[in-house]
C-alpha atoms as a PDB file:
ATOM      1  CA  MET A   1     -33.041 -44.595   5.281  1.00  0.00           C
ATOM      2  CA  ILE A   2     -29.301 -43.951   4.864  1.00  0.00           C
ATOM      3  CA  GLU A   3     -28.753 -44.098   8.636  1.00  0.00           C
ATOM      4  CA  GLN A   4     -30.672 -47.392   8.928  1.00  0.00           C
ATOM      5  CA  MET A   5     -28.718 -48.915   6.047  1.00  0.00           C
ATOM      6  CA  THR A   6     -25.415 -47.736   7.514  1.00  0.00           C
ATOM      7  CA  LYS A   7     -26.144 -49.179  10.963  1.00  0.00           C
ATOM      8  CA  LYS A   8     -27.407 -52.462   9.522  1.00  0.00           C
ATOM      9  CA  HIS A   9     -24.278 -53.018   7.437  1.00  0.00           C
ATOM     10  CA  MET A  10     -21.747 -51.520   9.872  1.00  0.00           C
ATOM     11  CA  LYS A  11     -20.476 -54.996  10.798  1.00  0.00           C
ATOM     12  CA  ASN A  12     -19.077 -55.306   7.253  1.00  0.00           C
ATOM     13  CA  TYR A  13     -16.740 -52.331   7.475  1.00  0.00           C
ATOM     14  CA  GLU A  14     -14.753 -50.242   9.906  1.00  0.00           C
ATOM     15  CA  LEU A  15     -13.634 -46.622  10.110  1.00  0.00           C
ATOM     16  CA  ILE A  16      -9.938 -46.092   9.320  1.00  0.00           C
ATOM     17  CA  THR A  17      -8.291 -43.439  11.464  1.00  0.00           C
ATOM     18  CA  GLY A  18      -4.768 -43.804  10.041  1.00  0.00           C
ATOM     19  CA  ILE A  19      -3.321 -45.368   6.907  1.00  0.00           C
ATOM     20  CA  PRO A  20      -5.156 -48.363   5.374  1.00  0.00           C
ATOM     21  CA  LYS A  21      -3.468 -51.735   5.142  1.00  0.00           C
ATOM     22  CA  TYR A  22      -1.878 -52.779   1.852  1.00  0.00           C
ATOM     23  CA  GLY A  23      -4.510 -54.515  -0.298  1.00  0.00           C
ATOM     24  CA  ASP A  24      -7.490 -53.162   1.634  1.00  0.00           C
ATOM     25  CA  LEU A  25     -10.761 -52.617  -0.186  1.00  0.00           C
ATOM     26  CA  ILE A  26     -11.605 -49.115   1.005  1.00  0.00           C
ATOM     27  CA  PHE A  27     -14.287 -46.514   0.474  1.00  0.00           C
ATOM     28  CA  ALA A  28     -14.794 -42.846   1.235  1.00  0.00           C
ATOM     29  CA  ASP A  29     -18.241 -41.596   2.227  1.00  0.00           C
ATOM     30  CA  ARG A  30     -19.030 -38.800  -0.207  1.00  0.00           C
ATOM     31  CA  GLN A  31     -21.617 -36.035   0.022  1.00  0.00           C
ATOM     32  CA  GLU A  32     -22.167 -36.775   3.735  1.00  0.00           C
ATOM     33  CA  GLY A  33     -22.903 -40.452   3.121  1.00  0.00           C
ATOM     34  CA  ILE A  34     -25.113 -40.103   0.039  1.00  0.00           C
ATOM     35  CA  TYR A  35     -22.761 -42.384  -1.894  1.00  0.00           C
ATOM     36  CA  ARG A  36     -19.482 -44.219  -1.426  1.00  0.00           C
ATOM     37  CA  HIS A  37     -16.388 -44.119  -3.614  1.00  0.00           C
ATOM     38  CA  PHE A  38     -14.393 -47.377  -3.657  1.00  0.00           C
ATOM     39  CA  GLY A  39     -10.785 -48.291  -4.386  1.00  0.00           C
ATOM     40  CA  ILE A  40      -7.900 -50.598  -3.476  1.00  0.00           C
ATOM     41  CA  TYR A  41      -5.142 -49.319  -1.198  1.00  0.00           C
ATOM     42  CA  ALA A  42      -1.880 -49.987  -3.071  1.00  0.00           C
ATOM     43  CA  GLY A  43       0.604 -48.850  -0.419  1.00  0.00           C
ATOM     44  CA  ASN A  44       2.826 -45.749  -0.402  1.00  0.00           C
ATOM     45  CA  LYS A  45      -0.259 -43.608   0.287  1.00  0.00           C
ATOM     46  CA  THR A  46      -1.826 -44.438  -3.097  1.00  0.00           C
ATOM     47  CA  VAL A  47      -5.182 -45.900  -4.148  1.00  0.00           C
ATOM     48  CA  ILE A  48      -6.161 -47.609  -7.391  1.00  0.00           C
ATOM     49  CA  HIS A  49      -9.729 -46.729  -8.356  1.00  0.00           C
ATOM     50  CA  PHE A  50     -12.114 -46.428 -11.317  1.00  0.00           C
ATOM     51  CA  ALA A  51     -13.144 -42.833 -12.004  1.00  0.00           C
ATOM     52  CA  ASP A  52     -12.652 -39.817 -14.245  1.00  0.00           C
ATOM     53  CA  PRO A  53      -8.976 -38.876 -13.705  1.00  0.00           C
ATOM     54  CA  ASP A  54      -9.836 -35.186 -14.175  1.00  0.00           C
ATOM     55  CA  ASP A  55     -12.391 -35.241 -11.314  1.00  0.00           C
ATOM     56  CA  GLU A  56     -15.052 -33.857 -13.640  1.00  0.00           C
ATOM     57  CA  PHE A  57     -17.493 -36.751 -13.081  1.00  0.00           C
ATOM     58  CA  ASP A  58     -17.463 -37.486 -16.819  1.00  0.00           C
ATOM     59  CA  SER A  59     -18.242 -41.205 -16.985  1.00  0.00           C
ATOM     60  CA  SER A  60     -17.046 -41.398 -20.599  1.00  0.00           C
ATOM     61  CA  LYS A  61     -13.512 -40.531 -19.386  1.00  0.00           C
ATOM     62  CA  ALA A  62     -13.494 -42.932 -16.415  1.00  0.00           C
ATOM     63  CA  ILE A  63     -10.507 -45.287 -16.315  1.00  0.00           C
ATOM     64  CA  VAL A  64      -8.724 -47.315 -13.679  1.00  0.00           C
ATOM     65  CA  HIS A  65      -5.839 -45.234 -12.345  1.00  0.00           C
ATOM     66  CA  GLU A  66      -3.724 -44.622  -9.258  1.00  0.00           C
ATOM     67  CA  ILE A  67      -4.074 -41.476  -7.132  1.00  0.00           C
ATOM     68  CA  ALA A  68      -2.805 -40.142  -3.831  1.00  0.00           C
ATOM     69  CA  LEU A  69      -4.665 -41.393  -0.754  1.00  0.00           C
ATOM     70  CA  ASN A  70      -5.426 -37.848   0.440  1.00  0.00           C
ATOM     71  CA  LYS A  71      -7.012 -36.993  -2.936  1.00  0.00           C
ATOM     72  CA  PHE A  72      -9.077 -40.214  -2.793  1.00  0.00           C
ATOM     73  CA  ILE A  73     -10.277 -39.418   0.737  1.00  0.00           C
ATOM     74  CA  ASP A  74     -11.092 -35.802  -0.199  1.00  0.00           C
ATOM     75  CA  ASP A  75     -11.831 -34.780   3.419  1.00  0.00           C
ATOM     76  CA  CYS A  76     -14.338 -37.633   3.857  1.00  0.00           C
ATOM     77  CA  ASN A  77     -14.465 -40.511   6.314  1.00  0.00           C
ATOM     78  CA  LEU A  78     -12.494 -43.543   5.098  1.00  0.00           C
ATOM     79  CA  TYR A  79     -13.582 -47.135   5.723  1.00  0.00           C
ATOM     80  CA  ARG A  80     -12.162 -50.640   5.244  1.00  0.00           C
ATOM     81  CA  ILE A  81     -14.416 -53.477   4.061  1.00  0.00           C
ATOM     82  CA  LYS A  82     -14.060 -56.538   6.308  1.00  0.00           C
ATOM     83  CA  PHE A  83     -14.217 -60.119   5.012  1.00  0.00           C
ATOM     84  CA  PRO A  84     -16.161 -62.395   5.094  1.00  0.00           C
ATOM     85  CA  ASN A  85     -19.175 -60.181   4.525  1.00  0.00           C
ATOM     86  CA  GLU A  86     -22.227 -59.521   2.362  1.00  0.00           C
ATOM     87  CA  TYR A  87     -20.117 -59.712  -0.821  1.00  0.00           C
ATOM     88  CA  THR A  88     -18.482 -63.089  -0.284  1.00  0.00           C
ATOM     89  CA  LYS A  89     -16.951 -65.450   2.236  1.00  0.00           C
ATOM     90  CA  THR A  90     -13.583 -65.484   0.434  1.00  0.00           C
ATOM     91  CA  ALA A  91     -11.124 -62.855  -0.723  1.00  0.00           C
ATOM     92  CA  TYR A  92      -7.785 -62.664  -2.520  1.00  0.00           C
ATOM     93  CA  SER A  93      -4.635 -62.023  -0.498  1.00  0.00           C
ATOM     94  CA  GLU A  94      -3.374 -58.462  -0.179  1.00  0.00           C
ATOM     95  CA  ASP A  95      -0.703 -59.003  -2.872  1.00  0.00           C
ATOM     96  CA  GLU A  96      -3.137 -60.656  -5.290  1.00  0.00           C
ATOM     97  CA  THR A  97      -5.683 -57.879  -4.744  1.00  0.00           C
ATOM     98  CA  VAL A  98      -3.176 -55.133  -5.553  1.00  0.00           C
ATOM     99  CA  GLN A  99      -1.798 -57.056  -8.552  1.00  0.00           C
ATOM    100  CA  ARG A 100      -5.331 -57.491  -9.919  1.00  0.00           C
ATOM    101  CA  ALA A 101      -5.928 -53.741  -9.488  1.00  0.00           C
ATOM    102  CA  LYS A 102      -2.602 -52.775 -11.099  1.00  0.00           C
ATOM    103  CA  ALA A 103      -3.306 -55.051 -14.065  1.00  0.00           C
ATOM    104  CA  GLN A 104      -6.441 -52.986 -14.791  1.00  0.00           C
ATOM    105  CA  ILE A 105      -4.727 -49.569 -14.822  1.00  0.00           C
ATOM    106  CA  GLY A 106      -5.633 -47.739 -18.025  1.00  0.00           C
ATOM    107  CA  LYS A 107      -8.692 -49.918 -18.639  1.00  0.00           C
ATOM    108  CA  LYS A 108     -12.335 -48.884 -18.463  1.00  0.00           C
ATOM    109  CA  GLY A 109     -13.290 -50.980 -15.454  1.00  0.00           C
ATOM    110  CA  VAL A 110     -14.130 -54.659 -15.174  1.00  0.00           C
ATOM    111  CA  ASP A 111     -13.843 -56.363 -18.582  1.00  0.00           C
ATOM    112  CA  ASN A 112     -12.878 -52.939 -20.034  1.00  0.00           C
ATOM    113  CA  ALA A 113     -16.638 -52.402 -20.441  1.00  0.00           C
ATOM    114  CA  GLY A 114     -16.776 -48.664 -19.699  1.00  0.00           C
ATOM    115  CA  TYR A 115     -18.323 -46.888 -16.746  1.00  0.00           C
ATOM    116  CA  ASN A 116     -21.971 -47.519 -15.929  1.00  0.00           C
ATOM    117  CA  ILE A 117     -23.297 -46.214 -12.625  1.00  0.00           C
ATOM    118  CA  LEU A 118     -25.447 -49.328 -12.057  1.00  0.00           C
ATOM    119  CA  PHE A 119     -23.480 -52.139 -13.709  1.00  0.00           C
ATOM    120  CA  ASN A 120     -19.772 -51.178 -13.884  1.00  0.00           C
ATOM    121  CA  ASN A 121     -18.760 -48.574 -11.312  1.00  0.00           C
ATOM    122  CA  CYS A 122     -15.938 -48.049  -8.804  1.00  0.00           C
ATOM    123  CA  GLU A 123     -17.474 -50.525  -6.366  1.00  0.00           C
ATOM    124  CA  HIS A 124     -17.786 -53.252  -9.029  1.00  0.00           C
ATOM    125  CA  PHE A 125     -14.095 -52.703  -9.835  1.00  0.00           C
ATOM    126  CA  ALA A 126     -12.785 -52.715  -6.252  1.00  0.00           C
ATOM    127  CA  VAL A 127     -14.900 -55.689  -5.151  1.00  0.00           C
ATOM    128  CA  TRP A 128     -13.782 -57.613  -8.261  1.00  0.00           C
ATOM    129  CA  CYS A 129     -10.119 -56.918  -7.390  1.00  0.00           C
ATOM    130  CA  LYS A 130     -10.637 -58.304  -3.877  1.00  0.00           C
ATOM    131  CA  THR A 131     -13.048 -61.181  -4.557  1.00  0.00           C
ATOM    132  CA  GLY A 132     -13.251 -61.929  -8.282  1.00  0.00           C
ATOM    133  CA  ILE A 133     -16.944 -60.930  -8.196  1.00  0.00           C
ATOM    134  CA  ALA A 134     -17.953 -57.683  -9.927  1.00  0.00           C
ATOM    135  CA  THR A 135     -20.842 -56.532  -7.756  1.00  0.00           C
ATOM    136  CA  SER A 136     -22.085 -53.350  -6.138  1.00  0.00           C
ATOM    137  CA  MET A 137     -24.249 -53.327  -3.034  1.00  0.00           C
ATOM    138  CA  GLN A 138     -24.948 -49.609  -3.606  1.00  0.00           C
ATOM    139  CA  SER A 139     -26.355 -50.389  -7.058  1.00  0.00           C
ATOM    140  CA  LYS A 140     -28.378 -53.341  -5.791  1.00  0.00           C
ATOM    141  CA  ARG A 141     -29.868 -51.304  -2.946  1.00  0.00           C
ATOM    142  CA  PHE A 142     -30.727 -48.454  -5.305  1.00  0.00           C
ATOM    143  CA  ILE A 143     -32.408 -50.777  -7.810  1.00  0.00           C
ATOM    144  CA  GLN A 144     -34.294 -52.536  -5.005  1.00  0.00           C
ATOM    145  CA  ALA A 145     -35.535 -49.130  -3.781  1.00  0.00           C
ATOM    146  CA  VAL A 146     -36.747 -48.334  -7.303  1.00  0.00           C
ATOM    147  CA  ILE A 147     -38.453 -51.726  -7.526  1.00  0.00           C
ATOM    148  CA  THR A 148     -40.156 -51.141  -4.194  1.00  0.00           C
ATOM    149  CA  GLY A 149     -41.401 -47.807  -5.495  1.00  0.00           C
ATOM    150  CA  ILE A 150     -42.695 -49.436  -8.687  1.00  0.00           C
ATOM    151  CA  GLY A 151     -44.301 -52.206  -6.662  1.00  0.00           C
ATOM    152  CA  LYS A 152     -46.155 -49.760  -4.440  1.00  0.00           C
ATOM    153  CA  GLY A 153     -47.103 -47.291  -7.138  1.00  0.00           C
ATOM    154  CA  TYR A 154     -47.998 -49.474 -10.097  1.00  0.00           C
ATOM    155  CA  LYS A 155     -51.070 -51.617  -9.410  1.00  0.00           C
ATOM    156  CA  ARG A 156     -52.003 -53.266 -12.740  1.00  0.00           C
ATOM    157  CA  ASP A 157     -52.122 -57.040 -12.271  1.00  0.00           C
ATOM    158  CA  GLY A 158     -49.486 -59.022 -14.113  1.00  0.00           C
ATOM    159  CA  ILE A 159     -47.529 -56.072 -15.484  1.00  0.00           C
ATOM    160  CA  ARG A 160     -46.136 -55.015 -12.100  1.00  0.00           C
ATOM    161  CA  GLY A 161     -44.894 -58.535 -11.422  1.00  0.00           C
ATOM    162  CA  SER A 162     -43.355 -58.792 -14.887  1.00  0.00           C
ATOM    163  CA  ILE A 163     -41.497 -55.488 -14.520  1.00  0.00           C
ATOM    164  CA  ILE A 164     -40.195 -56.415 -11.082  1.00  0.00           C
ATOM    165  CA  ASP A 165     -39.189 -59.923 -12.237  1.00  0.00           C
ATOM    166  CA  ALA A 166     -37.310 -58.442 -15.218  1.00  0.00           C
ATOM    167  CA  ILE A 167     -35.440 -55.930 -13.071  1.00  0.00           C
ATOM    168  CA  LEU A 168     -34.554 -58.588 -10.483  1.00  0.00           C
ATOM    169  CA  ALA A 169     -33.256 -60.856 -13.252  1.00  0.00           C
ATOM    170  CA  ILE A 170     -30.987 -58.053 -14.472  1.00  0.00           C
ATOM    171  CA  ILE A 171     -29.712 -57.428 -10.929  1.00  0.00           C
ATOM    172  CA  GLN A 172     -28.898 -61.115 -10.412  1.00  0.00           C
ATOM    173  CA  TRP A 173     -27.153 -61.323 -13.781  1.00  0.00           C
END
């Protein structure tokens, strides 16, 4: 499934073999492609991202902060998101993107709402910096996979549709 998803969406991003461009929305494939970690390249080999600054994966400590590019990459493949794409047809300029990211340093993500793996994660933050839309394709795909599982495994008439409709409404919100 991961390979199919990667090939299908490959047109939206490209592998970076050197240094990203200033203002790029970038991600590193982590755990051999199981998930992606997103950030904004801020120049001078630094990235602004939303994560636990102590690298302990403690979501309660996650804040927007700047780190070295090599620490962000962490021996993973690095990619640049291309625009227009599945997120939006428009994007902020490189300078505006970096300024939006810098203005969030020290905050707990978009709207200072605190980290939530499905509704306010590193991808929501980075995409918001670039487009003004706080969204996460990883989260949407995960929730859709869960819905598909519920749809196939839960057969009671009416209830299945209600559960799926409720989850889809939350995703669209």
